[in-house]
C-alpha atoms as a PDB file:
ATOM      1  CA  UNK A   1     -21.547 138.636-237.848  1.00  0.00           C
ATOM      2  CA  UNK A   2     -22.664 141.727-235.929  1.00  0.00           C
ATOM      3  CA  UNK A   3     -19.411 143.663-235.898  1.00  0.00           C
ATOM      4  CA  UNK A   4     -20.822 146.326-238.248  1.00  0.00           C
ATOM      5  CA  UNK A   5     -23.808 147.026-235.997  1.00  0.00           C
ATOM      6  CA  UNK A   6     -23.811 149.751-233.359  1.00  0.00           C
ATOM      7  CA  UNK A   7     -24.587 148.771-229.751  1.00  0.00           C
ATOM      8  CA  UNK A   8     -26.748 150.742-227.360  1.00  0.00           C
ATOM      9  CA  UNK A   9     -28.737 150.029-224.211  1.00  0.00           C
ATOM     10  CA  UNK A  10     -32.411 150.153-223.399  1.00  0.00           C
ATOM     11  CA  UNK A  11     -34.752 149.068-220.594  1.00  0.00           C
ATOM     12  CA  UNK A  12     -37.523 146.498-220.618  1.00  0.00           C
ATOM     13  CA  UNK A  13     -40.187 147.257-218.011  1.00  0.00           C
ATOM     14  CA  UNK A  14     -42.311 144.277-217.005  1.00  0.00           C
ATOM     15  CA  UNK A  15     -44.308 143.579-213.840  1.00  0.00           C
ATOM     16  CA  UNK A  16     -43.023 146.837-212.323  1.00  0.00           C
ATOM     17  CA  UNK A  17     -39.409 145.596-212.594  1.00  0.00           C
ATOM     18  CA  UNK A  18     -36.719 147.338-214.606  1.00  0.00           C
ATOM     19  CA  UNK A  19     -34.458 144.784-216.249  1.00  0.00           C
ATOM     20  CA  UNK A  20     -31.245 146.106-217.866  1.00  0.00           C
ATOM     21  CA  UNK A  21     -30.682 144.746-221.361  1.00  0.00           C
ATOM     22  CA  UNK A  22     -28.139 145.184-224.114  1.00  0.00           C
ATOM     23  CA  UNK A  23     -29.523 145.877-227.569  1.00  0.00           C
ATOM     24  CA  UNK A  24     -27.912 145.952-231.013  1.00  0.00           C
ATOM     25  CA  UNK A  25     -29.134 148.263-233.787  1.00  0.00           C
ATOM     26  CA  UNK A  26     -28.651 146.601-237.162  1.00  0.00           C
ATOM     27  CA  UNK A  27     -28.176 148.550-240.432  1.00  0.00           C
ATOM     28  CA  UNK A  28     -31.720 147.706-241.514  1.00  0.00           C
ATOM     29  CA  UNK A  29     -33.076 149.558-238.471  1.00  0.00           C
ATOM     30  CA  UNK A  30     -34.088 146.455-236.514  1.00  0.00           C
ATOM     31  CA  UNK A  31     -33.251 146.116-232.827  1.00  0.00           C
ATOM     32  CA  UNK A  32     -32.237 142.743-231.398  1.00  0.00           C
ATOM     33  CA  UNK A  33     -31.662 142.066-227.712  1.00  0.00           C
ATOM     34  CA  UNK A  34     -28.453 140.247-226.913  1.00  0.00           C
ATOM     35  CA  UNK A  35     -29.155 139.382-223.253  1.00  0.00           C
ATOM     36  CA  UNK A  36     -29.597 140.474-219.665  1.00  0.00           C
ATOM     37  CA  UNK A  37     -26.640 141.923-217.800  1.00  0.00           C
ATOM     38  CA  UNK A  38     -26.287 138.830-215.676  1.00  0.00           C
ATOM     39  CA  UNK A  39     -23.364 140.102-213.668  1.00  0.00           C
ATOM     40  CA  UNK A  40     -25.672 142.046-211.346  1.00  0.00           C
ATOM     41  CA  UNK A  41     -27.718 138.984-210.493  1.00  0.00           C
ATOM     42  CA  UNK A  42     -24.722 136.666-210.367  1.00  0.00           C
ATOM     43  CA  UNK A  43     -23.004 138.984-207.918  1.00  0.00           C
ATOM     44  CA  UNK A  44     -26.145 139.278-205.785  1.00  0.00           C
ATOM     45  CA  UNK A  45     -26.580 135.507-205.636  1.00  0.00           C
ATOM     46  CA  UNK A  46     -22.947 135.179-204.590  1.00  0.00           C
ATOM     47  CA  UNK A  47     -23.490 137.643-201.734  1.00  0.00           C
ATOM     48  CA  UNK A  48     -26.524 135.713-200.506  1.00  0.00           C
ATOM     49  CA  UNK A  49     -24.549 132.479-200.609  1.00  0.00           C
ATOM     50  CA  UNK A  50     -21.790 133.983-198.482  1.00  0.00           C
ATOM     51  CA  UNK A  51     -24.388 135.226-195.978  1.00  0.00           C
ATOM     52  CA  UNK A  52     -25.623 131.655-195.473  1.00  0.00           C
ATOM     53  CA  UNK A  53     -22.043 130.426-195.065  1.00  0.00           C
ATOM     54  CA  UNK A  54     -21.363 133.154-192.509  1.00  0.00           C
ATOM     55  CA  UNK A  55     -24.460 132.177-190.504  1.00  0.00           C
ATOM     56  CA  UNK A  56     -23.298 128.552-190.323  1.00  0.00           C
ATOM     57  CA  UNK A  57     -19.736 129.498-189.369  1.00  0.00           C
ATOM     58  CA  UNK A  58     -20.927 131.915-186.676  1.00  0.00           C
ATOM     59  CA  UNK A  59     -23.187 129.249-185.173  1.00  0.00           C
ATOM     60  CA  UNK A  60     -20.310 126.763-185.161  1.00  0.00           C
ATOM     61  CA  UNK A  61     -17.990 129.165-183.358  1.00  0.00           C
ATOM     62  CA  UNK A  62     -20.704 130.043-180.828  1.00  0.00           C
ATOM     63  CA  UNK A  63     -21.069 126.347-179.910  1.00  0.00           C
ATOM     64  CA  UNK A  64     -17.405 125.334-180.000  1.00  0.00           C
ATOM     65  CA  UNK A  65     -17.479 124.489-176.264  1.00  0.00           C
ATOM     66  CA  UNK A  66     -20.824 122.673-176.298  1.00  0.00           C
ATOM     67  CA  UNK A  67     -20.479 118.956-175.570  1.00  0.00           C
ATOM     68  CA  UNK A  68     -21.624 116.751-178.436  1.00  0.00           C
ATOM     69  CA  UNK A  69     -22.185 119.638-180.847  1.00  0.00           C
ATOM     70  CA  UNK A  70     -21.848 118.815-184.554  1.00  0.00           C
ATOM     71  CA  UNK A  71     -20.798 121.554-186.947  1.00  0.00           C
ATOM     72  CA  UNK A  72     -23.009 122.780-189.784  1.00  0.00           C
ATOM     73  CA  UNK A  73     -21.852 123.184-193.362  1.00  0.00           C
ATOM     74  CA  UNK A  74     -23.745 125.511-195.699  1.00  0.00           C
ATOM     75  CA  UNK A  75     -24.256 123.757-199.044  1.00  0.00           C
ATOM     76  CA  UNK A  76     -24.958 125.645-202.273  1.00  0.00           C
ATOM     77  CA  UNK A  77     -25.629 124.636-205.828  1.00  0.00           C
ATOM     78  CA  UNK A  78     -24.825 126.494-209.012  1.00  0.00           C
ATOM     79  CA  UNK A  79     -27.414 127.607-211.497  1.00  0.00           C
ATOM     80  CA  UNK A  80     -27.079 125.894-214.897  1.00  0.00           C
ATOM     81  CA  UNK A  81     -24.172 127.200-216.932  1.00  0.00           C
ATOM     82  CA  UNK A  82     -24.890 128.752-220.300  1.00  0.00           C
ATOM     83  CA  UNK A  83     -22.860 128.065-223.424  1.00  0.00           C
ATOM     84  CA  UNK A  84     -21.652 131.156-225.293  1.00  0.00           C
ATOM     85  CA  UNK A  85     -22.033 130.602-229.040  1.00  0.00           C
ATOM     86  CA  UNK A  86     -20.968 132.853-231.883  1.00  0.00           C
ATOM     87  CA  UNK A  87     -23.800 134.262-233.996  1.00  0.00           C
ATOM     88  CA  UNK A  88     -24.158 133.090-237.605  1.00  0.00           C
ATOM     89  CA  UNK A  89     -21.438 130.479-237.187  1.00  0.00           C
ATOM     90  CA  UNK A  90     -22.157 126.971-238.476  1.00  0.00           C
ATOM     91  CA  UNK A  91     -18.892 125.571-237.111  1.00  0.00           C
ATOM     92  CA  UNK A  92     -17.206 125.387-240.554  1.00  0.00           C
ATOM     93  CA  UNK A  93     -14.235 127.548-241.581  1.00  0.00           C
ATOM     94  CA  UNK A  94     -13.779 127.705-245.342  1.00  0.00           C
ATOM     95  CA  UNK A  95     -10.638 128.614-247.265  1.00  0.00           C
ATOM     96  CA  UNK A  96      -9.676 128.306-250.967  1.00  0.00           C
ATOM     97  CA  UNK A  97      -8.411 124.731-250.687  1.00  0.00           C
ATOM     98  CA  UNK A  98     -11.257 123.368-248.592  1.00  0.00           C
ATOM     99  CA  UNK A  99     -12.680 123.767-245.093  1.00  0.00           C
ATOM    100  CA  UNK A 100     -12.115 122.718-241.480  1.00  0.00           C
ATOM    101  CA  UNK A 101     -14.468 122.255-238.566  1.00  0.00           C
ATOM    102  CA  UNK A 102     -14.208 124.818-235.788  1.00  0.00           C
ATOM    103  CA  UNK A 103     -16.121 125.011-232.529  1.00  0.00           C
ATOM    104  CA  UNK A 104     -18.735 127.768-232.575  1.00  0.00           C
ATOM    105  CA  UNK A 105     -18.868 127.597-228.776  1.00  0.00           C
ATOM    106  CA  UNK A 106     -16.814 130.421-227.272  1.00  0.00           C
ATOM    107  CA  UNK A 107     -17.047 129.207-223.660  1.00  0.00           C
ATOM    108  CA  UNK A 108     -19.344 128.937-220.664  1.00  0.00           C
ATOM    109  CA  UNK A 109     -21.153 131.594-218.684  1.00  0.00           C
ATOM    110  CA  UNK A 110     -21.915 131.056-215.002  1.00  0.00           C
ATOM    111  CA  UNK A 111     -25.278 132.313-213.755  1.00  0.00           C
ATOM    112  CA  UNK A 112     -24.722 132.339-209.986  1.00  0.00           C
ATOM    113  CA  UNK A 113     -25.453 130.056-207.055  1.00  0.00           C
ATOM    114  CA  UNK A 114     -28.285 129.458-204.618  1.00  0.00           C
ATOM    115  CA  UNK A 115     -28.580 128.111-201.072  1.00  0.00           C
ATOM    116  CA  UNK A 116     -29.415 124.408-200.970  1.00  0.00           C
ATOM    117  CA  UNK A 117     -29.234 123.180-197.366  1.00  0.00           C
ATOM    118  CA  UNK A 118     -27.293 123.228-194.108  1.00  0.00           C
ATOM    119  CA  UNK A 119     -25.569 119.892-193.788  1.00  0.00           C
ATOM    120  CA  UNK A 120     -24.519 118.556-190.368  1.00  0.00           C
ATOM    121  CA  UNK A 121     -21.113 116.871-190.232  1.00  0.00           C
ATOM    122  CA  UNK A 122     -21.302 113.985-187.749  1.00  0.00           C
ATOM    123  CA  UNK A 123     -17.592 113.313-187.343  1.00  0.00           C
ATOM    124  CA  UNK A 124     -16.523 112.132-183.908  1.00  0.00           C
ATOM    125  CA  UNK A 125     -15.544 114.923-181.540  1.00  0.00           C
ATOM    126  CA  UNK A 126     -12.553 114.731-179.227  1.00  0.00           C
ATOM    127  CA  UNK A 127     -13.025 112.871-175.931  1.00  0.00           C
ATOM    128  CA  UNK A 128     -12.368 114.713-172.675  1.00  0.00           C
ATOM    129  CA  UNK A 129     -11.643 112.968-169.377  1.00  0.00           C
ATOM    130  CA  UNK A 130     -13.812 114.234-166.526  1.00  0.00           C
ATOM    131  CA  UNK A 131     -13.852 111.234-164.130  1.00  0.00           C
ATOM    132  CA  UNK A 132     -17.436 112.195-163.285  1.00  0.00           C
ATOM    133  CA  UNK A 133     -19.529 109.074-162.591  1.00  0.00           C
ATOM    134  CA  UNK A 134     -22.444 110.169-164.758  1.00  0.00           C
ATOM    135  CA  UNK A 135     -20.515 111.699-167.656  1.00  0.00           C
ATOM    136  CA  UNK A 136     -20.895 109.390-170.656  1.00  0.00           C
ATOM    137  CA  UNK A 137     -19.539 109.432-174.198  1.00  0.00           C
ATOM    138  CA  UNK A 138     -20.153 107.267-177.270  1.00  0.00           C
ATOM    139  CA  UNK A 139     -17.103 106.139-179.221  1.00  0.00           C
ATOM    140  CA  UNK A 140     -18.969 105.605-182.500  1.00  0.00           C
ATOM    141  CA  UNK A 141     -22.234 106.410-184.274  1.00  0.00           C
ATOM    142  CA  UNK A 142     -25.342 106.564-182.088  1.00  0.00           C
ATOM    143  CA  UNK A 143     -27.426 108.799-179.823  1.00  0.00           C
ATOM    144  CA  UNK A 144     -28.623 108.826-176.238  1.00  0.00           C
ATOM    145  CA  UNK A 145     -32.409 109.018-175.811  1.00  0.00           C
ATOM    146  CA  UNK A 146     -33.947 111.756-173.654  1.00  0.00           C
ATOM    147  CA  UNK A 147     -37.584 112.109-172.597  1.00  0.00           C
ATOM    148  CA  UNK A 148     -38.833 115.709-172.905  1.00  0.00           C
ATOM    149  CA  UNK A 149     -42.302 117.314-172.703  1.00  0.00           C
ATOM    150  CA  UNK A 150     -42.192 117.580-176.523  1.00  0.00           C
ATOM    151  CA  UNK A 151     -41.483 113.868-176.943  1.00  0.00           C
ATOM    152  CA  UNK A 152     -38.324 111.831-177.357  1.00  0.00           C
ATOM    153  CA  UNK A 153     -35.185 113.718-178.315  1.00  0.00           C
ATOM    154  CA  UNK A 154     -31.733 112.438-179.203  1.00  0.00           C
ATOM    155  CA  UNK A 155     -28.361 113.775-178.141  1.00  0.00           C
ATOM    156  CA  UNK A 156     -24.619 113.156-178.169  1.00  0.00           C
ATOM    157  CA  UNK A 157     -24.152 115.320-175.098  1.00  0.00           C
ATOM    158  CA  UNK A 158     -23.535 112.841-172.269  1.00  0.00           C
ATOM    159  CA  UNK A 159     -23.206 115.390-169.465  1.00  0.00           C
ATOM    160  CA  UNK A 160     -25.713 113.792-167.083  1.00  0.00           C
ATOM    161  CA  UNK A 161     -26.294 113.980-163.350  1.00  0.00           C
ATOM    162  CA  UNK A 162     -28.456 112.384-160.671  1.00  0.00           C
ATOM    163  CA  UNK A 163     -31.603 114.424-160.017  1.00  0.00           C
ATOM    164  CA  UNK A 164     -33.424 114.988-156.743  1.00  0.00           C
ATOM    165  CA  UNK A 165     -35.515 111.857-157.219  1.00  0.00           C
ATOM    166  CA  UNK A 166     -32.325 109.914-158.034  1.00  0.00           C
ATOM    167  CA  UNK A 167     -33.223 109.793-161.731  1.00  0.00           C
ATOM    168  CA  UNK A 168     -30.458 110.044-164.323  1.00  0.00           C
ATOM    169  CA  UNK A 169     -31.100 113.362-166.068  1.00  0.00           C
ATOM    170  CA  UNK A 170     -29.603 115.901-168.439  1.00  0.00           C
ATOM    171  CA  UNK A 171     -28.438 119.262-167.074  1.00  0.00           C
ATOM    172  CA  UNK A 172     -31.832 120.650-168.155  1.00  0.00           C
ATOM    173  CA  UNK A 173     -33.664 118.112-165.980  1.00  0.00           C
ATOM    174  CA  UNK A 174     -34.893 115.765-168.732  1.00  0.00           C
ATOM    175  CA  UNK A 175     -34.760 112.021-167.881  1.00  0.00           C
ATOM    176  CA  UNK A 176     -32.274 109.857-169.754  1.00  0.00           C
ATOM    177  CA  UNK A 177     -33.876 106.624-170.940  1.00  0.00           C
ATOM    178  CA  UNK A 178     -32.586 103.101-170.592  1.00  0.00           C
ATOM    179  CA  UNK A 179     -33.887 100.001-172.305  1.00  0.00           C
ATOM    180  CA  UNK A 180     -36.381  99.636-169.449  1.00  0.00           C
ATOM    181  CA  UNK A 181     -37.477 103.280-169.378  1.00  0.00           C
ATOM    182  CA  UNK A 182     -36.452 105.980-166.910  1.00  0.00           C
ATOM    183  CA  UNK A 183     -33.233 105.088-165.065  1.00  0.00           C
ATOM    184  CA  UNK A 184     -33.514 105.225-161.253  1.00  0.00           C
ATOM    185  CA  UNK A 185     -30.415 104.757-159.130  1.00  0.00           C
ATOM    186  CA  UNK A 186     -30.773 104.101-155.406  1.00  0.00           C
ATOM    187  CA  UNK A 187     -27.243 103.250-154.246  1.00  0.00           C
ATOM    188  CA  UNK A 188     -24.161 105.439-153.929  1.00  0.00           C
ATOM    189  CA  UNK A 189     -21.573 103.363-155.803  1.00  0.00           C
ATOM    190  CA  UNK A 190     -22.356 103.261-159.526  1.00  0.00           C
ATOM    191  CA  UNK A 191     -20.366 101.887-162.434  1.00  0.00           C
ATOM    192  CA  UNK A 192     -21.215 101.807-166.131  1.00  0.00           C
ATOM    193  CA  UNK A 193     -19.440  99.355-168.416  1.00  0.00           C
ATOM    194  CA  UNK A 194     -18.709  99.743-172.137  1.00  0.00           C
ATOM    195  CA  UNK A 195     -21.929  97.942-173.046  1.00  0.00           C
ATOM    196  CA  UNK A 196     -23.880 100.673-171.258  1.00  0.00           C
ATOM    197  CA  UNK A 197     -24.979  98.445-168.374  1.00  0.00           C
ATOM    198  CA  UNK A 198     -25.476 100.366-165.142  1.00  0.00           C
ATOM    199  CA  UNK A 199     -24.399  98.589-161.955  1.00  0.00           C
ATOM    200  CA  UNK A 200     -24.980  99.798-158.409  1.00  0.00           C
ATOM    201  CA  UNK A 201     -24.004  98.610-154.976  1.00  0.00           C
ATOM    202  CA  UNK A 202     -23.698  99.814-151.421  1.00  0.00           C
ATOM    203  CA  UNK A 203     -20.301 100.989-150.273  1.00  0.00           C
ATOM    204  CA  UNK A 204     -20.001  98.041-147.898  1.00  0.00           C
ATOM    205  CA  UNK A 205     -20.947  95.422-150.482  1.00  0.00           C
ATOM    206  CA  UNK A 206     -18.822  93.717-153.129  1.00  0.00           C
ATOM    207  CA  UNK A 207     -21.382  92.359-155.559  1.00  0.00           C
ATOM    208  CA  UNK A 208     -23.184  94.897-157.745  1.00  0.00           C
ATOM    209  CA  UNK A 209     -26.746  94.754-159.017  1.00  0.00           C
ATOM    210  CA  UNK A 210     -27.741  95.508-162.614  1.00  0.00           C
ATOM    211  CA  UNK A 211     -30.084  98.507-162.762  1.00  0.00           C
ATOM    212  CA  UNK A 212     -30.618  99.009-166.500  1.00  0.00           C
ATOM    213  CA  UNK A 213     -28.786  99.478-169.786  1.00  0.00           C
ATOM    214  CA  UNK A 214     -28.399 102.907-171.355  1.00  0.00           C
ATOM    215  CA  UNK A 215     -30.480 103.065-174.514  1.00  0.00           C
ATOM    216  CA  UNK A 216     -28.525 103.943-177.660  1.00  0.00           C
ATOM    217  CA  UNK A 217     -30.258 104.396-181.012  1.00  0.00           C
ATOM    218  CA  UNK A 218     -29.314 105.024-184.612  1.00  0.00           C
ATOM    219  CA  UNK A 219     -31.031 106.250-187.769  1.00  0.00           C
ATOM    220  CA  UNK A 220     -31.033 105.009-191.384  1.00  0.00           C
ATOM    221  CA  UNK A 221     -30.208 108.511-192.725  1.00  0.00           C
ATOM    222  CA  UNK A 222     -28.946 110.610-189.846  1.00  0.00           C
ATOM    223  CA  UNK A 223     -27.931 113.522-192.104  1.00  0.00           C
ATOM    224  CA  UNK A 224     -31.625 114.491-192.288  1.00  0.00           C
ATOM    225  CA  UNK A 225     -32.055 114.805-188.510  1.00  0.00           C
ATOM    226  CA  UNK A 226     -33.311 118.216-187.438  1.00  0.00           C
ATOM    227  CA  UNK A 227     -31.441 120.163-184.779  1.00  0.00           C
ATOM    228  CA  UNK A 228     -33.462 121.428-181.860  1.00  0.00           C
ATOM    229  CA  UNK A 229     -32.130 123.694-179.137  1.00  0.00           C
ATOM    230  CA  UNK A 230     -28.927 122.747-177.357  1.00  0.00           C
ATOM    231  CA  UNK A 231     -27.496 119.555-178.847  1.00  0.00           C
ATOM    232  CA  UNK A 232     -30.874 117.840-179.345  1.00  0.00           C
ATOM    233  CA  UNK A 233     -32.038 116.218-182.582  1.00  0.00           C
ATOM    234  CA  UNK A 234     -35.487 115.173-183.733  1.00  0.00           C
ATOM    235  CA  UNK A 235     -36.389 112.431-186.196  1.00  0.00           C
ATOM    236  CA  UNK A 236     -38.538 112.812-189.310  1.00  0.00           C
ATOM    237  CA  UNK A 237     -39.593 110.823-192.361  1.00  0.00           C
ATOM    238  CA  UNK A 238     -36.435 111.715-194.258  1.00  0.00           C
ATOM    239  CA  UNK A 239     -34.086 110.586-191.500  1.00  0.00           C
ATOM    240  CA  UNK A 240     -36.058 107.451-190.749  1.00  0.00           C
ATOM    241  CA  UNK A 241     -37.159 106.483-187.271  1.00  0.00           C
ATOM    242  CA  UNK A 242     -34.926 105.556-184.367  1.00  0.00           C
ATOM    243  CA  UNK A 243     -33.945 101.937-183.881  1.00  0.00           C
ATOM    244  CA  UNK A 244     -32.042 100.432-180.966  1.00  0.00           C
ATOM    245  CA  UNK A 245     -28.441  99.558-181.779  1.00  0.00           C
ATOM    246  CA  UNK A 246     -27.371  96.079-180.738  1.00  0.00           C
ATOM    247  CA  UNK A 247     -24.380  93.811-181.145  1.00  0.00           C
ATOM    248  CA  UNK A 248     -21.600  95.083-183.378  1.00  0.00           C
ATOM    249  CA  UNK A 249     -23.659  98.131-184.397  1.00  0.00           C
ATOM    250  CA  UNK A 250     -23.811  99.407-180.838  1.00  0.00           C
ATOM    251  CA  UNK A 251     -21.102 101.944-179.916  1.00  0.00           C
ATOM    252  CA  UNK A 252     -19.107 101.679-176.737  1.00  0.00           C
ATOM    253  CA  UNK A 253     -20.238 103.733-173.724  1.00  0.00           C
ATOM    254  CA  UNK A 254     -17.342 105.393-171.914  1.00  0.00           C
ATOM    255  CA  UNK A 255     -17.885 106.389-168.284  1.00  0.00           C
ATOM    256  CA  UNK A 256     -16.070 109.480-167.035  1.00  0.00           C
ATOM    257  CA  UNK A 257     -15.659 110.945-170.532  1.00  0.00           C
ATOM    258  CA  UNK A 258     -17.428 113.663-172.537  1.00  0.00           C
ATOM    259  CA  UNK A 259     -17.408 114.139-176.287  1.00  0.00           C
ATOM    260  CA  UNK A 260     -16.496 117.673-177.267  1.00  0.00           C
ATOM    261  CA  UNK A 261     -17.718 119.463-180.356  1.00  0.00           C
ATOM    262  CA  UNK A 262     -16.181 118.592-183.710  1.00  0.00           C
ATOM    263  CA  UNK A 263     -15.604 122.276-184.496  1.00  0.00           C
ATOM    264  CA  UNK A 264     -12.050 123.377-185.219  1.00  0.00           C
ATOM    265  CA  UNK A 265     -12.033 127.090-184.307  1.00  0.00           C
ATOM    266  CA  UNK A 266      -8.912 127.819-186.383  1.00  0.00           C
ATOM    267  CA  UNK A 267     -10.470 126.316-189.508  1.00  0.00           C
ATOM    268  CA  UNK A 268     -13.734 128.150-188.909  1.00  0.00           C
ATOM    269  CA  UNK A 269     -11.929 131.489-188.514  1.00  0.00           C
ATOM    270  CA  UNK A 270     -10.007 130.915-191.755  1.00  0.00           C
ATOM    271  CA  UNK A 271     -13.280 130.083-193.519  1.00  0.00           C
ATOM    272  CA  UNK A 272     -14.858 133.236-192.077  1.00  0.00           C
ATOM    273  CA  UNK A 273     -12.045 135.376-193.509  1.00  0.00           C
ATOM    274  CA  UNK A 274     -12.563 133.646-196.856  1.00  0.00           C
ATOM    275  CA  UNK A 275     -16.289 134.396-196.714  1.00  0.00           C
ATOM    276  CA  UNK A 276     -15.671 138.084-195.991  1.00  0.00           C
ATOM    277  CA  UNK A 277     -13.301 138.389-198.929  1.00  0.00           C
ATOM    278  CA  UNK A 278     -15.696 136.594-201.276  1.00  0.00           C
ATOM    279  CA  UNK A 279     -18.537 138.834-200.107  1.00  0.00           C
ATOM    280  CA  UNK A 280     -16.470 141.963-200.810  1.00  0.00           C
ATOM    281  CA  UNK A 281     -15.508 140.616-204.246  1.00  0.00           C
ATOM    282  CA  UNK A 282     -19.176 140.151-205.160  1.00  0.00           C
ATOM    283  CA  UNK A 283     -19.914 143.658-203.909  1.00  0.00           C
ATOM    284  CA  UNK A 284     -17.256 145.033-206.264  1.00  0.00           C
ATOM    285  CA  UNK A 285     -18.748 143.034-209.144  1.00  0.00           C
ATOM    286  CA  UNK A 286     -22.145 144.636-208.582  1.00  0.00           C
ATOM    287  CA  UNK A 287     -20.621 148.106-208.171  1.00  0.00           C
ATOM    288  CA  UNK A 288     -18.633 147.700-211.402  1.00  0.00           C
ATOM    289  CA  UNK A 289     -21.652 146.514-213.405  1.00  0.00           C
ATOM    290  CA  UNK A 290     -23.762 149.321-211.985  1.00  0.00           C
ATOM    291  CA  UNK A 291     -21.138 151.897-212.943  1.00  0.00           C
ATOM    292  CA  UNK A 292     -20.799 150.518-216.470  1.00  0.00           C
ATOM    293  CA  UNK A 293     -24.547 150.338-216.956  1.00  0.00           C
ATOM    294  CA  UNK A 294     -24.981 153.918-215.755  1.00  0.00           C
ATOM    295  CA  UNK A 295     -22.271 155.117-218.106  1.00  0.00           C
ATOM    296  CA  UNK A 296     -23.735 153.174-221.029  1.00  0.00           C
ATOM    297  CA  UNK A 297     -27.241 154.544-220.503  1.00  0.00           C
ATOM    298  CA  UNK A 298     -26.006 158.101-219.970  1.00  0.00           C
ATOM    299  CA  UNK A 299     -23.922 158.099-223.136  1.00  0.00           C
ATOM    300  CA  UNK A 300     -26.602 156.382-225.205  1.00  0.00           C
ATOM    301  CA  UNK A 301     -29.169 158.945-224.062  1.00  0.00           C
ATOM    302  CA  UNK A 302     -27.147 161.740-225.690  1.00  0.00           C
ATOM    303  CA  UNK A 303     -27.780 160.231-229.121  1.00  0.00           C
END
């Protein structure tokens, strides 16, 4: 055991970094390092983790009124935990009549966390009635397809309108695609059924003519889709490439509805308060370790 040894502190300087250590002077004059003061680095990693959480929460609250927006969740992972083991302990406690096995492990030591990814939660948002002819919402998994100068983009925001050339477009002027390509509507009376089929007719006519069917696609692993701008997503190798949804896989298309964001502002505000408190707690951890280290070095320097 090391109870008879006197403890002091010293600094190891390597690669222009000063790393605080705890050393133990043994009676034979040898010096053995016990370990780094991990509290400083654990506290710092905790502060960084809360910064990432705060960024995600702030972005969610900023887009709470954006149609089709899906909230982000900041995901972190812990560094490997270390087992604290007693020195010179073989796990056997001996007494005059025999011995018993005891655990030499005193407990676990956490070493902090690190940012892993921002995960998008694709839960269905609430549906809002607008009674606008070209407002569309999907009642299940799937995305509308939009043609942009940067290529095809995918969205849950069904706030569309009829452009100057009578093309169905997003509010930014990008054409919405049907199964036959760009959707052009020439008549005034338009109806869209749950299968996404677009029908048009003149006001004086009864029978409607099929124009096209709104294209709806899905992805093998949608969690890996990359957000781009306002409610657009782009595909990549991790998400898999878009495929048209048909039959039972195809969601229903609701005319005159819009899907709101799936952000609950009350929950996000509560989480933001939690983040602020956790950030302050990690600040106090660092301040406490810094104060103790300063006191230890100052007192050890006197001897």
